[in-house]
Amino acid sequence: MSIFKKKMPKNTNSPAYRRKMAEFLSGRSIKYCSERIDGIENVVGKSGSLTLRDGELLVFSSGDIVMRARVDELNASELLSLEGVILSAPDLEHGGKERTIIAYYTYYRK
């Protein structure tokens, strides 16, 4: 089931929307994730999960934390295919640098 079938706040920049989206993503297993830099995608990890912990969304992949971001600063949107999610936020794991990570789900719901 996509995020749109659940009751979500309409303002995608509101803290309520960001928290709901993080709750929706938490627990998802991912096939792989890539980072978008200057319009080019590079694979940064294979197999892993998305986890919500202490107000932060963590992207685990290839045995490492690929990204750790505060939920209230996270911009997240599902791919139109519903096969993954685009995450953009300052990455606490890498010195607060703004990063865009695309995580592709192992399984996706329609």
C-alpha atoms as a PDB file:
ATOM      1  CA  MET A   1       0.000   0.000   0.000  1.00  0.00           C
ATOM      2  CA  SER A   2       1.386   3.405  -0.874  1.00  0.00           C
ATOM      3  CA  ILE A   3       1.617   6.289   1.512  1.00  0.00           C
ATOM      4  CA  PHE A   4      -1.227   7.996  -0.363  1.00  0.00           C
ATOM      5  CA  LYS A   5      -3.781   5.425   0.766  1.00  0.00           C
ATOM      6  CA  LYS A   6      -3.179   6.382   4.405  1.00  0.00           C
ATOM      7  CA  LYS A   7      -4.391   9.569   6.048  1.00  0.00           C
ATOM      8  CA  MET A   8      -1.492  11.985   5.652  1.00  0.00           C
ATOM      9  CA  PRO A   9      -1.195  15.704   6.337  1.00  0.00           C
ATOM     10  CA  LYS A  10      -1.377  17.631   3.071  1.00  0.00           C
ATOM     11  CA  ASN A  11       1.573  19.942   3.706  1.00  0.00           C
ATOM     12  CA  THR A  12       4.651  17.891   2.802  1.00  0.00           C
ATOM     13  CA  ASN A  13       6.896  20.395   4.606  1.00  0.00           C
ATOM     14  CA  SER A  14       5.104  20.061   7.944  1.00  0.00           C
ATOM     15  CA  PRO A  15       6.697  18.163  10.851  1.00  0.00           C
ATOM     16  CA  ALA A  16       3.536  16.014  11.102  1.00  0.00           C
ATOM     17  CA  TYR A  17       3.917  14.831   7.490  1.00  0.00           C
ATOM     18  CA  ARG A  18       7.638  14.121   7.951  1.00  0.00           C
ATOM     19  CA  ARG A  19       6.991  12.077  11.101  1.00  0.00           C
ATOM     20  CA  LYS A  20       4.208  10.049   9.455  1.00  0.00           C
ATOM     21  CA  MET A  21       6.395   9.368   6.433  1.00  0.00           C
ATOM     22  CA  ALA A  22       9.272   8.225   8.660  1.00  0.00           C
ATOM     23  CA  GLU A  23       6.907   5.884  10.542  1.00  0.00           C
ATOM     24  CA  PHE A  24       5.677   4.515   7.211  1.00  0.00           C
ATOM     25  CA  LEU A  25       9.251   3.856   6.020  1.00  0.00           C
ATOM     26  CA  SER A  26      10.532   2.361   9.264  1.00  0.00           C
ATOM     27  CA  GLY A  27      11.102  -1.383   9.089  1.00  0.00           C
ATOM     28  CA  ARG A  28      11.315  -1.536   5.300  1.00  0.00           C
ATOM     29  CA  SER A  29      14.032  -3.775   3.924  1.00  0.00           C
ATOM     30  CA  ILE A  30      15.964  -2.443   0.956  1.00  0.00           C
ATOM     31  CA  LYS A  31      17.642  -4.134  -2.028  1.00  0.00           C
ATOM     32  CA  TYR A  32      20.177  -1.397  -2.532  1.00  0.00           C
ATOM     33  CA  CYS A  33      20.611   2.330  -2.175  1.00  0.00           C
ATOM     34  CA  SER A  34      22.283   4.941  -4.284  1.00  0.00           C
ATOM     35  CA  GLU A  35      23.388   8.521  -3.796  1.00  0.00           C
ATOM     36  CA  ARG A  36      22.549  11.249  -6.270  1.00  0.00           C
ATOM     37  CA  ILE A  37      25.368  13.755  -6.788  1.00  0.00           C
ATOM     38  CA  ASP A  38      25.019  16.377  -9.530  1.00  0.00           C
ATOM     39  CA  GLY A  39      22.330  14.317 -11.264  1.00  0.00           C
ATOM     40  CA  ILE A  40      24.408  11.113 -11.309  1.00  0.00           C
ATOM     41  CA  GLU A  41      23.419   8.085  -9.223  1.00  0.00           C
ATOM     42  CA  ASN A  42      26.099   5.879  -7.667  1.00  0.00           C
ATOM     43  CA  VAL A  43      25.312   2.699  -5.721  1.00  0.00           C
ATOM     44  CA  VAL A  44      26.504   3.130  -2.129  1.00  0.00           C
ATOM     45  CA  GLY A  45      25.181  -0.073  -0.536  1.00  0.00           C
ATOM     46  CA  LYS A  46      23.370  -3.337  -1.075  1.00  0.00           C
ATOM     47  CA  SER A  47      20.763  -4.988   1.159  1.00  0.00           C
ATOM     48  CA  GLY A  48      19.731  -3.286   4.353  1.00  0.00           C
ATOM     49  CA  SER A  49      16.849  -1.513   6.024  1.00  0.00           C
ATOM     50  CA  LEU A  50      15.259   1.780   6.990  1.00  0.00           C
ATOM     51  CA  THR A  51      14.903   2.288  10.744  1.00  0.00           C
ATOM     52  CA  LEU A  52      13.321   5.012  12.861  1.00  0.00           C
ATOM     53  CA  ARG A  53      15.186   5.517  16.153  1.00  0.00           C
ATOM     54  CA  ASP A  54      15.078   8.434  18.614  1.00  0.00           C
ATOM     55  CA  GLY A  55      13.651  10.908  16.113  1.00  0.00           C
ATOM     56  CA  GLU A  56      16.141   9.947  13.411  1.00  0.00           C
ATOM     57  CA  LEU A  57      15.740   7.869  10.258  1.00  0.00           C
ATOM     58  CA  LEU A  58      18.694   5.565   9.617  1.00  0.00           C
ATOM     59  CA  VAL A  59      19.528   3.937   6.301  1.00  0.00           C
ATOM     60  CA  PHE A  60      21.513   0.744   6.934  1.00  0.00           C
ATOM     61  CA  SER A  61      23.141  -0.902   3.935  1.00  0.00           C
ATOM     62  CA  SER A  62      26.177  -3.138   3.347  1.00  0.00           C
ATOM     63  CA  GLY A  63      26.665  -3.393   7.109  1.00  0.00           C
ATOM     64  CA  ASP A  64      27.080   0.382   7.571  1.00  0.00           C
ATOM     65  CA  ILE A  65      24.954   3.410   8.316  1.00  0.00           C
ATOM     66  CA  VAL A  66      24.696   5.069   4.911  1.00  0.00           C
ATOM     67  CA  MET A  67      22.622   7.999   6.170  1.00  0.00           C
ATOM     68  CA  ARG A  68      21.322   9.248   9.515  1.00  0.00           C
ATOM     69  CA  ALA A  69      18.960  12.212   9.464  1.00  0.00           C
ATOM     70  CA  ARG A  70      16.622  13.975  11.886  1.00  0.00           C
ATOM     71  CA  VAL A  71      13.025  13.263  10.899  1.00  0.00           C
ATOM     72  CA  ASP A  72      12.003  16.924  11.216  1.00  0.00           C
ATOM     73  CA  GLU A  73      14.631  17.902   8.602  1.00  0.00           C
ATOM     74  CA  LEU A  74      13.986  14.978   6.239  1.00  0.00           C
ATOM     75  CA  ASN A  75      12.385  15.370   2.815  1.00  0.00           C
ATOM     76  CA  ALA A  76      11.075  11.971   1.748  1.00  0.00           C
ATOM     77  CA  SER A  77       9.010  11.028  -1.281  1.00  0.00           C
ATOM     78  CA  GLU A  78       8.167   7.655  -2.747  1.00  0.00           C
ATOM     79  CA  LEU A  79       9.102   6.859  -6.316  1.00  0.00           C
ATOM     80  CA  LEU A  80       6.136   6.848  -8.685  1.00  0.00           C
ATOM     81  CA  SER A  81       6.700   3.129  -9.220  1.00  0.00           C
ATOM     82  CA  LEU A  82       6.373   2.620  -5.414  1.00  0.00           C
ATOM     83  CA  GLU A  83       9.599   0.591  -5.578  1.00  0.00           C
ATOM     84  CA  GLY A  84      11.574   2.954  -3.364  1.00  0.00           C
ATOM     85  CA  VAL A  85      11.965   6.324  -1.706  1.00  0.00           C
ATOM     86  CA  ILE A  86      14.058   9.453  -2.238  1.00  0.00           C
ATOM     87  CA  LEU A  87      15.498  10.840   1.003  1.00  0.00           C
ATOM     88  CA  SER A  88      17.111  14.287   1.208  1.00  0.00           C
ATOM     89  CA  ALA A  89      18.439  15.792   4.438  1.00  0.00           C
ATOM     90  CA  PRO A  90      21.549  16.897   6.290  1.00  0.00           C
ATOM     91  CA  ASP A  91      23.366  13.630   7.068  1.00  0.00           C
ATOM     92  CA  LEU A  92      24.412  13.480  10.727  1.00  0.00           C
ATOM     93  CA  GLU A  93      26.659  10.503  10.002  1.00  0.00           C
ATOM     94  CA  HIS A  94      28.733  12.498   7.515  1.00  0.00           C
ATOM     95  CA  GLY A  95      29.153  15.862   9.248  1.00  0.00           C
ATOM     96  CA  GLY A  96      25.753  17.368   8.419  1.00  0.00           C
ATOM     97  CA  LYS A  97      26.353  17.445   4.665  1.00  0.00           C
ATOM     98  CA  GLU A  98      23.138  17.665   2.602  1.00  0.00           C
ATOM     99  CA  ARG A  99      22.696  14.338   0.788  1.00  0.00           C
ATOM    100  CA  THR A 100      20.131  12.678  -1.457  1.00  0.00           C
ATOM    101  CA  ILE A 101      19.816   8.914  -1.063  1.00  0.00           C
ATOM    102  CA  ILE A 102      17.479   6.703  -3.099  1.00  0.00           C
ATOM    103  CA  ALA A 103      16.564   3.471  -1.309  1.00  0.00           C
ATOM    104  CA  TYR A 104      14.960   0.707  -3.387  1.00  0.00           C
ATOM    105  CA  TYR A 105      12.658  -1.618  -1.427  1.00  0.00           C
ATOM    106  CA  THR A 106      13.149  -5.374  -1.438  1.00  0.00           C
ATOM    107  CA  TYR A 107       9.378  -5.733  -1.703  1.00  0.00           C
ATOM    108  CA  TYR A 108       6.935  -3.030  -2.642  1.00  0.00           C
ATOM    109  CA  ARG A 109       3.222  -2.751  -2.042  1.00  0.00           C
ATOM    110  CA  LYS A 110       0.583  -1.537  -4.448  1.00  0.00           C
END
